[in-house]
């Protein structure tokens, strides 16, 4: 207790004694006034003391408050620093909870954070359906005999549903699943999926689509891109691709199907078939630049140089993008690498394509290589010199 409070207590005591003295002297009114003043001071002191005590909280209250504040801060840190993608279990629980009235505590606590996502077995709808069935069976087994009719009805429903599950999946399931596997370059499983779907396909459009997708998967399974940007092919898988396309042709048609078949036959060195299917593709869609280049390189391998040049030249009116020529350039470079010195006209075509791209330095280099080759037809060498002169003047 501080000194000012002691002083006030002493003053109150003195007023009280003064009141007693005045009362003994017969001055009753003055004595009562002195007593009242003494009582007022005491009440003020008591109220002040109580206020001071109330302002100083007990230590355990402060401790509890600190713990609660720490918990809230910890929760806020977890909520903001550890986001995660919800898994199937969380999504299912969330969908169930959204259908119910949730308490404030549930809303506050269910943040979805943090969670350990590794080594987790994914939950699918089939897993939940199976768990639901097992739990519901256990529940029905505990019911009384008055509900035997409901139980039998449910058992019948389960049996019918099980029969439906044992039936083959729709063919579209195999097509879509195979495409998904193909897109992530899992060609083995994509091929197995398409082949499984063939067992259940009974409509021409499904058979055509499955064989077409199978042919594309086989092709890319046998396609290997090298470090220099050029490709090598597993011809066994290329043949599987072509055979699948031939099966697809029995049920469907289309420019891309025929265009892919033309390229497959080229890789198998069946150039007449390559030309045939490339021309069928262009008859359906004349704007396919890659098919025109496939047609040109097939003519080149057949030593039909005029037809080869006209096939590449026919691309010009289509005004293709710069990149559309790149596939044809790679094919020609792969031909030079596979048969060095055997097809010198390849350099003339490379020079022409690069000139069309505006790559004049590379074009002149290719045309110069052609001029220095042992190619016998002087008319083509004269045309190469004219192209070099045009680029120099331009």
Protein backbone atom coordinates (compact mmCIF):
# COMPACT_ATOMS: atom_id res chain seq x y z
CA UNK A 1 0.00 0.00 0.00
CA UNK A 2 1.51 3.38 -1.03
CA UNK A 3 2.07 6.43 1.23
CA UNK A 4 -0.82 8.51 -0.17
CA UNK A 5 -3.27 5.81 0.82
CA UNK A 6 -1.80 5.63 4.35
CA UNK A 7 -2.20 9.35 4.64
CA UNK A 8 -5.86 9.25 3.64
CA UNK A 9 -6.55 6.49 6.17
CA UNK A 10 -4.91 8.54 8.90
CA UNK A 11 -6.96 11.62 8.01
CA UNK A 12 -10.16 9.58 8.12
CA UNK A 13 -9.23 8.25 11.58
CA UNK A 14 -8.55 11.79 12.84
CA UNK A 15 -11.98 13.02 11.60
CA UNK A 16 -13.66 10.12 13.33
CA UNK A 17 -11.92 10.91 16.68
CA UNK A 18 -12.68 14.61 16.24
CA UNK A 19 -16.35 13.68 15.90
CA UNK A 20 -16.18 11.78 19.20
CA UNK A 21 -14.60 14.81 20.89
CA UNK A 22 -17.29 17.17 19.57
CA UNK A 23 -19.99 14.79 20.69
CA UNK A 24 -18.55 14.74 24.25
CA UNK A 25 -18.57 18.51 24.22
CA UNK A 26 -22.26 18.53 23.29
CA UNK A 27 -21.86 19.72 19.73
CA UNK A 28 -23.85 16.91 18.18
CA UNK A 29 -24.36 18.38 14.69
CA UNK A 30 -20.65 19.06 14.22
CA UNK A 31 -19.85 15.58 15.48
CA UNK A 32 -22.22 13.98 12.92
CA UNK A 33 -20.66 16.02 10.10
CA UNK A 34 -17.18 14.90 11.12
CA UNK A 35 -18.31 11.24 11.28
CA UNK A 36 -19.91 11.48 7.82
CA UNK A 37 -16.74 12.90 6.32
CA UNK A 38 -14.79 10.07 7.89
CA UNK A 39 -17.15 7.43 6.42
CA UNK A 40 -17.03 9.01 2.93
CA UNK A 41 -13.24 8.81 2.87
CA UNK A 42 -13.31 5.17 3.89
CA UNK A 43 -15.77 4.30 1.13
CA UNK A 44 -13.62 6.11 -1.46
CA UNK A 45 -10.57 4.26 -0.24
CA UNK A 46 -12.38 0.94 -0.40
CA UNK A 47 -13.62 1.59 -3.97
CA UNK A 48 -10.16 2.65 -5.07
CA UNK A 49 -8.60 -0.44 -3.55
CA UNK A 50 -11.17 -2.66 -5.23
CA UNK A 51 -10.56 -1.00 -8.57
CA UNK A 52 -6.83 -1.55 -8.22
CA UNK A 53 -7.38 -5.19 -7.39
CA UNK A 54 -9.75 -5.63 -10.34
CA UNK A 55 -7.25 -4.03 -12.72
CA UNK A 56 -4.54 -6.53 -11.80
CA UNK A 57 -5.63 -9.88 -13.37
CA UNK A 58 -4.52 -13.11 -11.74
CA UNK A 59 -1.47 -14.73 -13.40
CA UNK A 60 -3.36 -17.82 -14.62
CA UNK A 61 -5.76 -15.64 -16.68
CA UNK A 62 -2.85 -14.10 -18.53
CA UNK A 63 -1.34 -17.56 -19.14
CA UNK A 64 -4.57 -18.92 -20.63
CA UNK A 65 -4.86 -15.90 -22.90
CA UNK A 66 -1.28 -16.33 -24.13
CA UNK A 67 -1.88 -20.01 -24.90
CA UNK A 68 -5.03 -19.22 -26.89
CA UNK A 69 -3.27 -16.47 -28.82
CA UNK A 70 -0.39 -18.83 -29.63
CA UNK A 71 -2.81 -21.50 -30.88
CA UNK A 72 -4.59 -19.04 -33.17
CA UNK A 73 -1.29 -17.77 -34.57
CA UNK A 74 -0.04 -21.33 -35.14
CA UNK A 75 -3.25 -22.24 -36.96
CA UNK A 76 -3.03 -19.11 -39.14
CA UNK A 77 0.58 -19.97 -40.08
CA UNK A 78 -0.36 -23.51 -41.08
CA UNK A 79 -3.37 -22.25 -43.06
CA UNK A 80 -1.32 -19.78 -45.09
CA UNK A 81 2.03 -21.57 -45.59
CA UNK A 82 1.08 -25.18 -46.34
CA UNK A 83 -1.48 -25.30 -49.16
CA UNK A 84 -2.09 -28.62 -50.86
CA UNK A 85 -4.21 -30.10 -53.58
CA UNK A 86 -7.20 -31.96 -52.14
CA UNK A 87 -7.15 -35.70 -52.70
CA UNK A 88 -10.13 -37.88 -53.56
CA UNK A 89 -10.88 -38.56 -49.89
CA UNK A 90 -10.95 -34.86 -49.02
CA UNK A 91 -13.14 -34.05 -52.01
CA UNK A 92 -15.61 -36.77 -51.09
CA UNK A 93 -15.76 -35.63 -47.45
CA UNK A 94 -16.20 -32.04 -48.58
CA UNK A 95 -19.09 -32.96 -50.87
CA UNK A 96 -20.75 -34.83 -48.01
CA UNK A 97 -20.25 -32.00 -45.54
CA UNK A 98 -21.67 -29.45 -47.93
CA UNK A 99 -24.95 -31.32 -47.83
CA UNK A 100 -25.20 -30.91 -44.05
CA UNK A 101 -25.42 -27.95 -41.69
CA UNK A 102 -21.92 -27.46 -40.36
CA UNK A 103 -21.08 -25.80 -37.08
CA UNK A 104 -18.85 -22.78 -36.76
CA UNK A 105 -16.11 -24.97 -35.26
CA UNK A 106 -16.25 -27.36 -38.23
CA UNK A 107 -15.96 -24.48 -40.67
CA UNK A 108 -13.04 -23.00 -38.74
CA UNK A 109 -11.08 -26.21 -38.33
CA UNK A 110 -11.58 -27.85 -41.75
CA UNK A 111 -8.92 -26.00 -43.76
CA UNK A 112 -7.48 -28.97 -45.62
CA UNK A 113 -3.98 -28.08 -44.37
CA UNK A 114 -1.43 -29.43 -43.76
CA UNK A 115 -1.36 -32.93 -45.23
CA UNK A 116 1.26 -35.47 -46.26
CA UNK A 117 0.60 -36.30 -49.90
CA UNK A 118 3.26 -38.92 -50.54
CA UNK A 119 2.70 -42.67 -50.23
CA UNK A 120 -1.04 -42.20 -50.41
CA UNK A 121 -3.30 -44.71 -52.11
CA UNK A 122 -5.81 -42.77 -54.23
CA UNK A 123 -9.49 -43.27 -53.51
CA UNK A 124 -11.85 -43.68 -56.41
CA UNK A 125 -15.61 -43.77 -56.67
CA UNK A 126 -15.52 -47.55 -56.92
CA UNK A 127 -13.64 -47.78 -53.60
CA UNK A 128 -16.25 -45.67 -51.86
CA UNK A 129 -19.10 -47.60 -53.42
CA UNK A 130 -17.62 -50.89 -52.24
CA UNK A 131 -17.09 -49.50 -48.73
CA UNK A 132 -20.64 -48.19 -48.72
CA UNK A 133 -21.96 -51.61 -49.67
CA UNK A 134 -20.01 -53.37 -46.94
CA UNK A 135 -21.10 -50.90 -44.28
CA UNK A 136 -24.70 -51.08 -45.41
CA UNK A 137 -24.65 -54.85 -45.35
CA UNK A 138 -23.37 -54.79 -41.77
CA UNK A 139 -26.09 -52.33 -40.85
CA UNK A 140 -28.83 -54.45 -42.40
CA UNK A 141 -27.53 -57.58 -40.70
CA UNK A 142 -28.20 -55.87 -37.37
CA UNK A 143 -31.78 -54.94 -38.26
CA UNK A 144 -34.75 -56.88 -36.89
CA UNK A 145 -36.76 -59.39 -38.89
CA UNK A 146 -39.57 -56.91 -39.58
CA UNK A 147 -37.39 -55.36 -42.25
CA UNK A 148 -36.63 -58.54 -44.15
CA UNK A 149 -38.47 -57.26 -47.24
CA UNK A 150 -36.28 -54.14 -47.42
CA UNK A 151 -33.19 -56.24 -46.95
CA UNK A 152 -34.16 -58.58 -49.78
CA UNK A 153 -34.85 -55.64 -52.06
CA UNK A 154 -31.45 -54.20 -51.30
CA UNK A 155 -29.76 -57.55 -51.91
CA UNK A 156 -31.41 -57.75 -55.31
CA UNK A 157 -30.17 -54.27 -56.13
CA UNK A 158 -26.62 -55.22 -55.17
CA UNK A 159 -26.74 -58.33 -57.35
CA UNK A 160 -27.98 -56.38 -60.36
CA UNK A 161 -25.36 -53.71 -59.86
CA UNK A 162 -22.64 -56.33 -59.60
CA UNK A 163 -23.76 -57.84 -62.89
CA UNK A 164 -23.57 -54.43 -64.52
CA UNK A 165 -20.04 -53.95 -63.20
CA UNK A 166 -18.96 -57.30 -64.65
CA UNK A 167 -20.15 -56.28 -68.11
CA UNK A 168 -17.55 -54.87 -70.55
CA UNK A 169 -16.95 -51.15 -70.42
CA UNK A 170 -18.22 -48.95 -73.27
CA UNK A 171 -15.87 -48.80 -76.24
CA UNK A 172 -15.48 -45.05 -75.73
CA UNK A 173 -13.86 -45.87 -72.40
CA UNK A 174 -11.02 -47.70 -74.18
CA UNK A 175 -10.66 -44.96 -76.79
CA UNK A 176 -10.45 -42.15 -74.25
CA UNK A 177 -8.24 -44.09 -71.85
CA UNK A 178 -5.88 -45.02 -74.68
CA UNK A 179 -5.65 -41.38 -75.77
CA UNK A 180 -4.81 -40.33 -72.24
CA UNK A 181 -2.03 -42.91 -72.04
CA UNK A 182 -0.81 -41.87 -75.49
CA UNK A 183 -0.66 -38.20 -74.46
CA UNK A 184 1.67 -39.04 -71.56
CA UNK A 185 3.77 -41.17 -73.96
CA UNK A 186 2.87 -44.44 -72.30
CA UNK A 187 2.60 -46.16 -75.64
CA UNK A 188 2.74 -49.75 -74.38
CA UNK A 189 -0.33 -49.36 -72.19
CA UNK A 190 -2.11 -47.28 -74.82
CA UNK A 191 -1.65 -50.07 -77.36
CA UNK A 192 -2.84 -52.69 -74.85
CA UNK A 193 -5.91 -50.56 -74.10
CA UNK A 194 -6.84 -50.17 -77.77
CA UNK A 195 -6.35 -53.90 -78.36
CA UNK A 196 -8.60 -54.73 -75.43
CA UNK A 197 -11.25 -52.37 -76.76
CA UNK A 198 -11.23 -54.22 -80.09
CA UNK A 199 -12.68 -57.30 -78.34
CA UNK A 200 -15.86 -55.36 -77.48
CA UNK A 201 -16.24 -53.08 -80.51
CA UNK A 202 -19.12 -54.14 -82.76
CA UNK A 203 -19.85 -50.90 -84.62
CA UNK A 204 -17.87 -49.90 -87.74
CA UNK A 205 -17.10 -46.42 -86.45
CA UNK A 206 -15.65 -47.81 -83.21
CA UNK A 207 -13.53 -50.37 -85.04
CA UNK A 208 -12.26 -47.70 -87.42
CA UNK A 209 -11.37 -45.35 -84.61
CA UNK A 210 -9.65 -48.01 -82.50
CA UNK A 211 -7.51 -49.27 -85.41
CA UNK A 212 -6.63 -45.70 -86.39
CA UNK A 213 -5.57 -44.82 -82.85
CA UNK A 214 -3.66 -48.11 -82.63
CA UNK A 215 -1.76 -47.28 -85.82
CA UNK A 216 -0.72 -43.88 -84.46
CA UNK A 217 0.40 -45.40 -81.15
CA UNK A 218 2.52 -48.02 -82.94
CA UNK A 219 4.14 -45.31 -85.07
CA UNK A 220 5.19 -43.16 -82.14
CA UNK A 221 6.32 -46.19 -80.19
CA UNK A 222 8.80 -46.85 -82.99
CA UNK A 223 9.79 -43.18 -83.38
CA UNK A 224 13.05 -42.17 -81.70
CA UNK A 225 14.24 -38.57 -81.79
CA UNK A 226 18.04 -38.25 -81.79
CA UNK A 227 20.22 -35.57 -80.21
CA UNK A 228 20.73 -33.87 -83.59
CA UNK A 229 16.97 -33.39 -83.99
CA UNK A 230 16.63 -36.15 -86.58
CA UNK A 231 14.61 -39.31 -86.11
CA UNK A 232 15.20 -43.05 -86.29
CA UNK A 233 12.42 -45.57 -86.74
CA UNK A 234 11.80 -49.12 -85.58
CA UNK A 235 10.55 -50.51 -88.90
CA UNK A 236 8.87 -53.45 -87.18
CA UNK A 237 6.63 -51.05 -85.28
CA UNK A 238 6.16 -48.93 -88.41
CA UNK A 239 4.83 -52.03 -90.14
CA UNK A 240 2.45 -52.64 -87.23
CA UNK A 241 1.31 -49.05 -87.64
CA UNK A 242 0.64 -49.45 -91.35
CA UNK A 243 -1.18 -52.76 -90.80
CA UNK A 244 -3.43 -51.10 -88.21
CA UNK A 245 -4.17 -48.23 -90.60
CA UNK A 246 -5.07 -50.76 -93.30
CA UNK A 247 -7.54 -52.36 -90.88
CA UNK A 248 -8.96 -48.92 -90.05
CA UNK A 249 -9.43 -48.24 -93.77
CA UNK A 250 -12.02 -51.03 -93.88
CA UNK A 251 -14.30 -49.04 -91.56
CA UNK A 252 -13.38 -45.38 -92.04
CA UNK A 253 -11.54 -42.91 -94.25
CA UNK A 254 -10.06 -39.46 -94.02
CA UNK A 255 -7.21 -37.28 -95.29
CA UNK A 256 -5.07 -37.70 -92.17
CA UNK A 257 -5.53 -41.47 -92.20
CA UNK A 258 -4.38 -41.65 -95.83
CA UNK A 259 -1.61 -39.13 -95.23
CA UNK A 260 -0.23 -41.17 -92.33
CA UNK A 261 -0.45 -44.33 -94.41
CA UNK A 262 1.49 -42.62 -97.19
CA UNK A 263 4.31 -41.75 -94.79
CA UNK A 264 4.31 -45.25 -93.29
CA UNK A 265 4.66 -46.83 -96.73
CA UNK A 266 7.51 -44.40 -97.47
CA UNK A 267 9.41 -45.58 -94.39
CA UNK A 268 8.83 -49.17 -95.49
CA UNK A 269 10.20 -48.14 -98.93
CA UNK A 270 6.99 -49.03 -100.74
CA UNK A 271 7.06 -45.77 -102.69
CA UNK A 272 4.25 -46.57 -105.11
CA UNK A 273 1.87 -47.18 -102.19
CA UNK A 274 3.18 -44.04 -100.53
CA UNK A 275 2.37 -41.97 -103.61
CA UNK A 276 -1.06 -43.61 -103.94
CA UNK A 277 -2.19 -42.86 -100.39
CA UNK A 278 -0.63 -39.38 -100.36
CA UNK A 279 -2.61 -38.49 -103.49
CA UNK A 280 -5.80 -39.89 -101.94
CA UNK A 281 -5.21 -37.70 -98.88
CA UNK A 282 -4.71 -34.59 -101.02
CA UNK A 283 -7.86 -35.39 -102.98
CA UNK A 284 -9.78 -35.04 -99.70
CA UNK A 285 -7.80 -32.09 -98.32
CA UNK A 286 -5.43 -30.27 -100.73
CA UNK A 287 -4.13 -27.98 -97.95
CA UNK A 288 -2.10 -30.65 -96.14
CA UNK A 289 1.46 -29.37 -96.48
CA UNK A 290 3.10 -32.36 -94.83
CA UNK A 291 1.41 -34.74 -97.30
CA UNK A 292 2.73 -32.74 -100.26
CA UNK A 293 6.24 -33.03 -98.82
CA UNK A 294 5.73 -36.77 -98.26
CA UNK A 295 4.66 -37.06 -101.88
CA UNK A 296 7.73 -35.10 -103.01
CA UNK A 297 10.27 -37.21 -101.12
CA UNK A 298 8.63 -40.41 -102.39
CA UNK A 299 9.01 -39.18 -105.99
CA UNK A 300 12.62 -38.27 -105.18
CA UNK A 301 13.33 -41.84 -104.04
CA UNK A 302 11.71 -43.08 -107.28
CA UNK A 303 14.06 -40.73 -109.25
CA UNK A 304 11.04 -38.84 -110.57
CA UNK A 305 12.78 -35.49 -110.12
CA UNK A 306 10.33 -33.28 -111.98
CA UNK A 307 7.37 -34.70 -110.05
CA UNK A 308 9.31 -34.34 -106.80
CA UNK A 309 10.10 -30.66 -107.48
CA UNK A 310 6.50 -29.92 -108.53
CA UNK A 311 5.21 -31.53 -105.32
CA UNK A 312 7.39 -29.24 -103.19
CA UNK A 313 6.69 -26.23 -105.42
CA UNK A 314 2.92 -26.79 -105.05
CA UNK A 315 3.25 -25.81 -101.39
CA UNK A 316 4.02 -22.16 -102.26
CA UNK A 317 0.41 -21.03 -103.01
CA UNK A 318 -0.67 -22.34 -99.58
CA UNK A 319 1.67 -19.80 -97.90
CA UNK A 320 2.62 -22.15 -95.04
CA UNK A 321 4.20 -20.99 -91.82
CA UNK A 322 7.96 -21.05 -91.46
CA UNK A 323 7.79 -24.09 -89.16
CA UNK A 324 5.67 -26.16 -91.56
CA UNK A 325 8.69 -26.64 -93.80
CA UNK A 326 10.84 -27.94 -90.94
CA UNK A 327 9.37 -31.46 -90.99
CA UNK A 328 10.20 -31.85 -94.69
CA UNK A 329 13.71 -30.49 -94.12
CA UNK A 330 14.32 -33.06 -91.37
CA UNK A 331 13.08 -35.86 -93.64
CA UNK A 332 15.51 -34.82 -96.38
CA UNK A 333 18.42 -34.58 -93.91
CA UNK A 334 17.58 -38.04 -92.58
CA UNK A 335 17.63 -39.33 -96.17
CA UNK A 336 21.11 -37.84 -96.71
CA UNK A 337 22.31 -39.36 -93.44
CA UNK A 338 20.89 -42.80 -94.26
CA UNK A 339 22.22 -42.87 -97.85
CA UNK A 340 25.21 -40.50 -98.01
CA UNK A 341 25.93 -39.41 -101.58
CA UNK A 342 23.20 -41.63 -103.11
CA UNK A 343 20.56 -38.96 -103.66
CA UNK A 344 22.27 -35.68 -104.65
CA UNK A 345 18.97 -34.16 -105.80
CA UNK A 346 18.13 -33.94 -102.09
CA UNK A 347 20.43 -30.90 -101.83
CA UNK A 348 18.57 -29.17 -104.67
CA UNK A 349 15.23 -29.65 -102.86
CA UNK A 350 16.78 -28.51 -99.56
CA UNK A 351 18.09 -25.37 -101.29
CA UNK A 352 14.64 -24.67 -102.77
CA UNK A 353 12.78 -25.13 -99.43
CA UNK A 354 15.26 -22.96 -97.51
CA UNK A 355 14.93 -20.26 -100.15
CA UNK A 356 11.17 -20.38 -99.63
CA UNK A 357 11.78 -19.92 -95.91
CA UNK A 358 14.02 -16.93 -96.54
CA UNK A 359 17.13 -18.74 -95.24
CA UNK A 360 19.28 -17.59 -98.17
CA UNK A 361 22.67 -18.42 -96.66
CA UNK A 362 21.64 -22.03 -95.92
CA UNK A 363 19.94 -22.26 -99.30
CA UNK A 364 23.06 -21.15 -101.20
CA UNK A 365 25.14 -23.67 -99.25
CA UNK A 366 22.80 -26.54 -100.17
CA UNK A 367 22.60 -25.50 -103.83
CA UNK A 368 26.39 -25.19 -104.02
CA UNK A 369 26.70 -28.73 -102.67
CA UNK A 370 24.28 -29.86 -105.38
CA UNK A 371 26.31 -28.07 -108.09
CA UNK A 372 29.46 -29.85 -106.91
CA UNK A 373 27.76 -33.26 -106.93
CA UNK A 374 27.87 -35.89 -109.65
CA UNK A 375 24.23 -35.31 -110.60
CA UNK A 376 24.02 -35.82 -114.37
CA UNK A 377 21.10 -33.60 -115.45
CA UNK A 378 22.60 -30.23 -116.35
CA UNK A 379 19.19 -28.58 -116.61
CA UNK A 380 18.70 -28.89 -112.85
CA UNK A 381 22.16 -27.50 -112.18
CA UNK A 382 21.33 -24.54 -114.38
CA UNK A 383 18.17 -24.00 -112.37
CA UNK A 384 20.24 -24.16 -109.16
CA UNK A 385 22.58 -21.45 -110.52
CA UNK A 386 19.61 -19.29 -111.44
CA UNK A 387 18.22 -19.62 -107.89
CA UNK A 388 21.58 -18.58 -106.43
CA UNK A 389 21.69 -15.55 -108.75
CA UNK A 390 18.13 -14.56 -107.78
CA UNK A 391 19.00 -14.65 -104.10
CA UNK A 392 22.18 -12.62 -104.67
CA UNK A 393 20.29 -9.94 -106.59
CA UNK A 394 17.48 -9.93 -104.04
